Amino acid sequence: DFDFDKSIFMYPNPAKDVLNFTNKDNIEFNNIVISDIAGKELLNINSGLSNNEINVSNLQSGVYFIKFVSEGKSIVKKFIKE
């Protein structure tokens, strides 16, 4: 959904230890999934999503995809880990 896509902004990108995101429409997320470029799920967060930050310090440097899921809708965004 295009509006859902515009509701979420991630920063900094590239990220070093923490990836922050803004949720301008206050969408309630069921979970957030981080995958590598091969599609392997590396992190699935389904609690504590209210602080709008994700610790990515344990990920190796590279390109990752993050999927925000809410009530049957999802949006995938790309980020780079330094």
N, C-alpha and C. Protein backbone atom coordinates (compact mmCIF):
# COMPACT_ATOMS: atom_id res chain seq x y z
N ASP A 1 0.85 -1.18 0.00
CA ASP A 1 0.00 0.00 0.00
C ASP A 1 0.89 1.23 0.00
N PHE A 2 0.66 2.15 -0.93
CA PHE A 2 1.53 3.30 -1.11
C PHE A 2 1.55 4.20 0.12
N ASP A 3 0.39 4.45 0.75
CA ASP A 3 0.35 5.30 1.92
C ASP A 3 1.12 4.68 3.08
N PHE A 4 1.03 3.38 3.22
CA PHE A 4 1.77 2.67 4.26
C PHE A 4 3.27 2.86 4.04
N ASP A 5 3.71 2.81 2.79
CA ASP A 5 5.12 3.00 2.45
C ASP A 5 5.60 4.39 2.85
N LYS A 6 4.78 5.41 2.62
CA LYS A 6 5.17 6.78 2.95
C LYS A 6 5.12 7.06 4.45
N SER A 7 4.51 6.19 5.22
CA SER A 7 4.39 6.41 6.67
C SER A 7 5.67 6.08 7.43
N ILE A 8 6.55 5.31 6.81
CA ILE A 8 7.74 4.82 7.50
C ILE A 8 8.99 5.41 6.86
N PHE A 9 9.84 6.01 7.69
CA PHE A 9 11.13 6.54 7.25
C PHE A 9 12.21 5.97 8.16
N MET A 10 13.26 5.42 7.57
CA MET A 10 14.36 4.82 8.35
C MET A 10 15.61 5.70 8.27
N TYR A 11 16.34 5.75 9.36
CA TYR A 11 17.59 6.51 9.41
C TYR A 11 18.45 5.98 10.54
N PRO A 12 19.73 6.14 10.58
CA PRO A 12 20.55 6.52 9.43
C PRO A 12 20.65 5.34 8.46
N ASN A 13 20.88 5.63 7.24
CA ASN A 13 21.06 4.58 6.24
C ASN A 13 22.20 5.01 5.33
N PRO A 14 23.37 4.44 5.51
CA PRO A 14 23.71 3.21 6.22
C PRO A 14 23.70 3.36 7.74
N ALA A 15 23.40 2.26 8.41
CA ALA A 15 23.34 2.21 9.88
C ALA A 15 24.59 1.52 10.42
N LYS A 16 24.97 1.92 11.62
CA LYS A 16 26.14 1.29 12.25
C LYS A 16 25.70 0.31 13.33
N ASP A 17 25.06 0.78 14.39
CA ASP A 17 24.64 -0.07 15.50
C ASP A 17 23.13 -0.08 15.69
N VAL A 18 22.49 1.06 15.40
CA VAL A 18 21.05 1.20 15.62
C VAL A 18 20.40 1.76 14.36
N LEU A 19 19.30 1.15 13.97
CA LEU A 19 18.49 1.64 12.85
C LEU A 19 17.22 2.22 13.46
N ASN A 20 17.01 3.50 13.26
CA ASN A 20 15.82 4.18 13.76
C ASN A 20 14.78 4.26 12.66
N PHE A 21 13.53 4.35 13.05
CA PHE A 21 12.49 4.58 12.06
C PHE A 21 11.41 5.46 12.66
N THR A 22 10.83 6.28 11.79
CA THR A 22 9.69 7.10 12.19
C THR A 22 8.45 6.45 11.61
N ASN A 23 7.39 6.60 12.33
CA ASN A 23 6.12 5.99 11.98
C ASN A 23 5.09 7.11 12.06
N LYS A 24 5.05 7.96 11.02
CA LYS A 24 4.30 9.21 11.10
C LYS A 24 2.80 9.02 11.27
N ASP A 25 2.26 7.87 10.87
CA ASP A 25 0.83 7.62 11.03
C ASP A 25 0.51 6.76 12.24
N ASN A 26 1.51 6.53 13.11
CA ASN A 26 1.36 5.74 14.33
C ASN A 26 0.73 4.37 14.05
N ILE A 27 1.23 3.72 13.03
CA ILE A 27 0.76 2.38 12.67
C ILE A 27 1.26 1.40 13.73
N GLU A 28 0.39 0.50 14.14
CA GLU A 28 0.78 -0.52 15.12
C GLU A 28 1.30 -1.73 14.35
N PHE A 29 2.58 -2.05 14.54
CA PHE A 29 3.20 -3.16 13.84
C PHE A 29 2.99 -4.47 14.59
N ASN A 30 2.65 -5.53 13.85
CA ASN A 30 2.58 -6.86 14.43
C ASN A 30 3.99 -7.41 14.62
N ASN A 31 4.83 -7.20 13.62
CA ASN A 31 6.23 -7.58 13.74
C ASN A 31 7.06 -6.89 12.67
N ILE A 32 8.37 -6.98 12.86
CA ILE A 32 9.35 -6.44 11.93
C ILE A 32 10.35 -7.56 11.67
N VAL A 33 10.61 -7.82 10.39
CA VAL A 33 11.50 -8.92 10.00
C VAL A 33 12.67 -8.35 9.20
N ILE A 34 13.89 -8.74 9.58
CA ILE A 34 15.08 -8.36 8.83
C ILE A 34 15.62 -9.60 8.14
N SER A 35 15.86 -9.46 6.83
CA SER A 35 16.37 -10.56 6.01
C SER A 35 17.61 -10.10 5.25
N ASP A 36 18.47 -11.07 4.90
CA ASP A 36 19.61 -10.74 4.07
C ASP A 36 19.19 -10.73 2.60
N ILE A 37 20.13 -10.45 1.70
CA ILE A 37 19.76 -10.33 0.29
C ILE A 37 19.37 -11.67 -0.33
N ALA A 38 19.72 -12.78 0.33
CA ALA A 38 19.31 -14.10 -0.15
C ALA A 38 17.91 -14.47 0.33
N GLY A 39 17.33 -13.62 1.20
CA GLY A 39 15.99 -13.87 1.71
C GLY A 39 15.96 -14.62 3.03
N LYS A 40 17.13 -14.90 3.60
CA LYS A 40 17.19 -15.62 4.88
C LYS A 40 16.79 -14.69 6.02
N GLU A 41 15.81 -15.11 6.81
CA GLU A 41 15.34 -14.31 7.93
C GLU A 41 16.38 -14.33 9.04
N LEU A 42 16.84 -13.16 9.46
CA LEU A 42 17.88 -13.05 10.48
C LEU A 42 17.34 -12.56 11.81
N LEU A 43 16.28 -11.78 11.76
CA LEU A 43 15.75 -11.18 12.99
C LEU A 43 14.25 -10.99 12.82
N ASN A 44 13.49 -11.44 13.82
CA ASN A 44 12.05 -11.27 13.79
C ASN A 44 11.65 -10.66 15.13
N ILE A 45 11.22 -9.42 15.08
CA ILE A 45 10.89 -8.68 16.30
C ILE A 45 9.37 -8.56 16.38
N ASN A 46 8.79 -9.05 17.47
CA ASN A 46 7.34 -8.93 17.61
C ASN A 46 6.94 -8.36 18.97
N SER A 47 7.91 -7.82 19.68
CA SER A 47 7.59 -7.14 20.94
C SER A 47 8.55 -5.98 21.12
N GLY A 48 8.14 -5.00 21.89
CA GLY A 48 8.99 -3.85 22.16
C GLY A 48 9.20 -2.96 20.96
N LEU A 49 8.19 -2.83 20.11
CA LEU A 49 8.34 -2.04 18.90
C LEU A 49 8.02 -0.56 19.11
N SER A 50 7.69 -0.18 20.31
CA SER A 50 7.25 1.20 20.55
C SER A 50 8.39 2.20 20.58
N ASN A 51 9.65 1.75 20.75
CA ASN A 51 10.74 2.71 20.87
C ASN A 51 11.31 3.15 19.52
N ASN A 52 10.83 2.56 18.41
CA ASN A 52 11.20 2.97 17.06
C ASN A 52 12.69 2.88 16.77
N GLU A 53 13.35 1.91 17.38
CA GLU A 53 14.74 1.66 17.05
C GLU A 53 15.02 0.17 17.10
N ILE A 54 15.94 -0.25 16.22
CA ILE A 54 16.29 -1.66 16.11
C ILE A 54 17.79 -1.78 16.24
N ASN A 55 18.23 -2.64 17.13
CA ASN A 55 19.66 -2.88 17.30
C ASN A 55 20.14 -3.79 16.17
N VAL A 56 21.03 -3.26 15.32
CA VAL A 56 21.57 -4.03 14.20
C VAL A 56 23.07 -4.28 14.37
N SER A 57 23.58 -4.06 15.57
CA SER A 57 25.02 -4.19 15.80
C SER A 57 25.53 -5.61 15.59
N ASN A 58 24.66 -6.61 15.73
CA ASN A 58 25.10 -8.00 15.57
C ASN A 58 25.11 -8.45 14.11
N LEU A 59 24.62 -7.62 13.19
CA LEU A 59 24.64 -7.96 11.77
C LEU A 59 25.99 -7.63 11.15
N GLN A 60 26.41 -8.43 10.18
CA GLN A 60 27.64 -8.13 9.45
C GLN A 60 27.36 -7.00 8.47
N SER A 61 28.41 -6.36 7.99
CA SER A 61 28.27 -5.30 7.01
C SER A 61 27.63 -5.87 5.74
N GLY A 62 26.71 -5.11 5.16
CA GLY A 62 26.08 -5.56 3.93
C GLY A 62 24.72 -4.92 3.72
N VAL A 63 23.99 -5.45 2.74
CA VAL A 63 22.66 -4.95 2.38
C VAL A 63 21.62 -5.89 2.98
N TYR A 64 20.59 -5.29 3.58
CA TYR A 64 19.52 -6.05 4.23
C TYR A 64 18.17 -5.48 3.84
N PHE A 65 17.14 -6.30 4.03
CA PHE A 65 15.77 -5.87 3.80
C PHE A 65 15.02 -5.95 5.12
N ILE A 66 14.19 -4.95 5.35
CA ILE A 66 13.40 -4.93 6.57
C ILE A 66 11.93 -4.85 6.17
N LYS A 67 11.13 -5.75 6.74
CA LYS A 67 9.71 -5.80 6.42
C LYS A 67 8.92 -5.41 7.65
N PHE A 68 8.10 -4.38 7.49
CA PHE A 68 7.20 -3.93 8.54
C PHE A 68 5.83 -4.54 8.26
N VAL A 69 5.26 -5.25 9.24
CA VAL A 69 3.99 -5.94 9.05
C VAL A 69 2.96 -5.37 10.02
N SER A 70 1.78 -5.03 9.47
CA SER A 70 0.70 -4.49 10.29
C SER A 70 -0.64 -4.90 9.70
N GLU A 71 -1.42 -5.64 10.45
CA GLU A 71 -2.80 -6.00 10.10
C GLU A 71 -2.95 -6.45 8.64
N GLY A 72 -2.14 -7.41 8.24
CA GLY A 72 -2.25 -7.96 6.91
C GLY A 72 -1.55 -7.17 5.82
N LYS A 73 -1.05 -6.00 6.14
CA LYS A 73 -0.29 -5.19 5.19
C LYS A 73 1.18 -5.29 5.56
N SER A 74 2.03 -5.20 4.55
CA SER A 74 3.45 -5.16 4.83
C SER A 74 4.15 -4.29 3.81
N ILE A 75 5.29 -3.76 4.21
CA ILE A 75 6.12 -2.96 3.31
C ILE A 75 7.56 -3.38 3.55
N VAL A 76 8.32 -3.49 2.49
CA VAL A 76 9.73 -3.89 2.58
C VAL A 76 10.58 -2.71 2.18
N LYS A 77 11.60 -2.44 2.99
CA LYS A 77 12.55 -1.38 2.69
C LYS A 77 13.95 -1.95 2.78
N LYS A 78 14.87 -1.30 2.10
CA LYS A 78 16.26 -1.76 2.07
C LYS A 78 17.11 -0.85 2.95
N PHE A 79 18.08 -1.44 3.65
CA PHE A 79 19.04 -0.62 4.39
C PHE A 79 20.41 -1.27 4.30
N ILE A 80 21.41 -0.46 4.57
CA ILE A 80 22.80 -0.90 4.52
C ILE A 80 23.35 -0.87 5.94
N LYS A 81 24.02 -1.94 6.32
CA LYS A 81 24.71 -2.01 7.62
C LYS A 81 26.18 -1.77 7.36
N GLU A 82 26.74 -0.76 8.03
CA GLU A 82 28.17 -0.46 7.89
C GLU A 82 29.01 -1.52 8.57
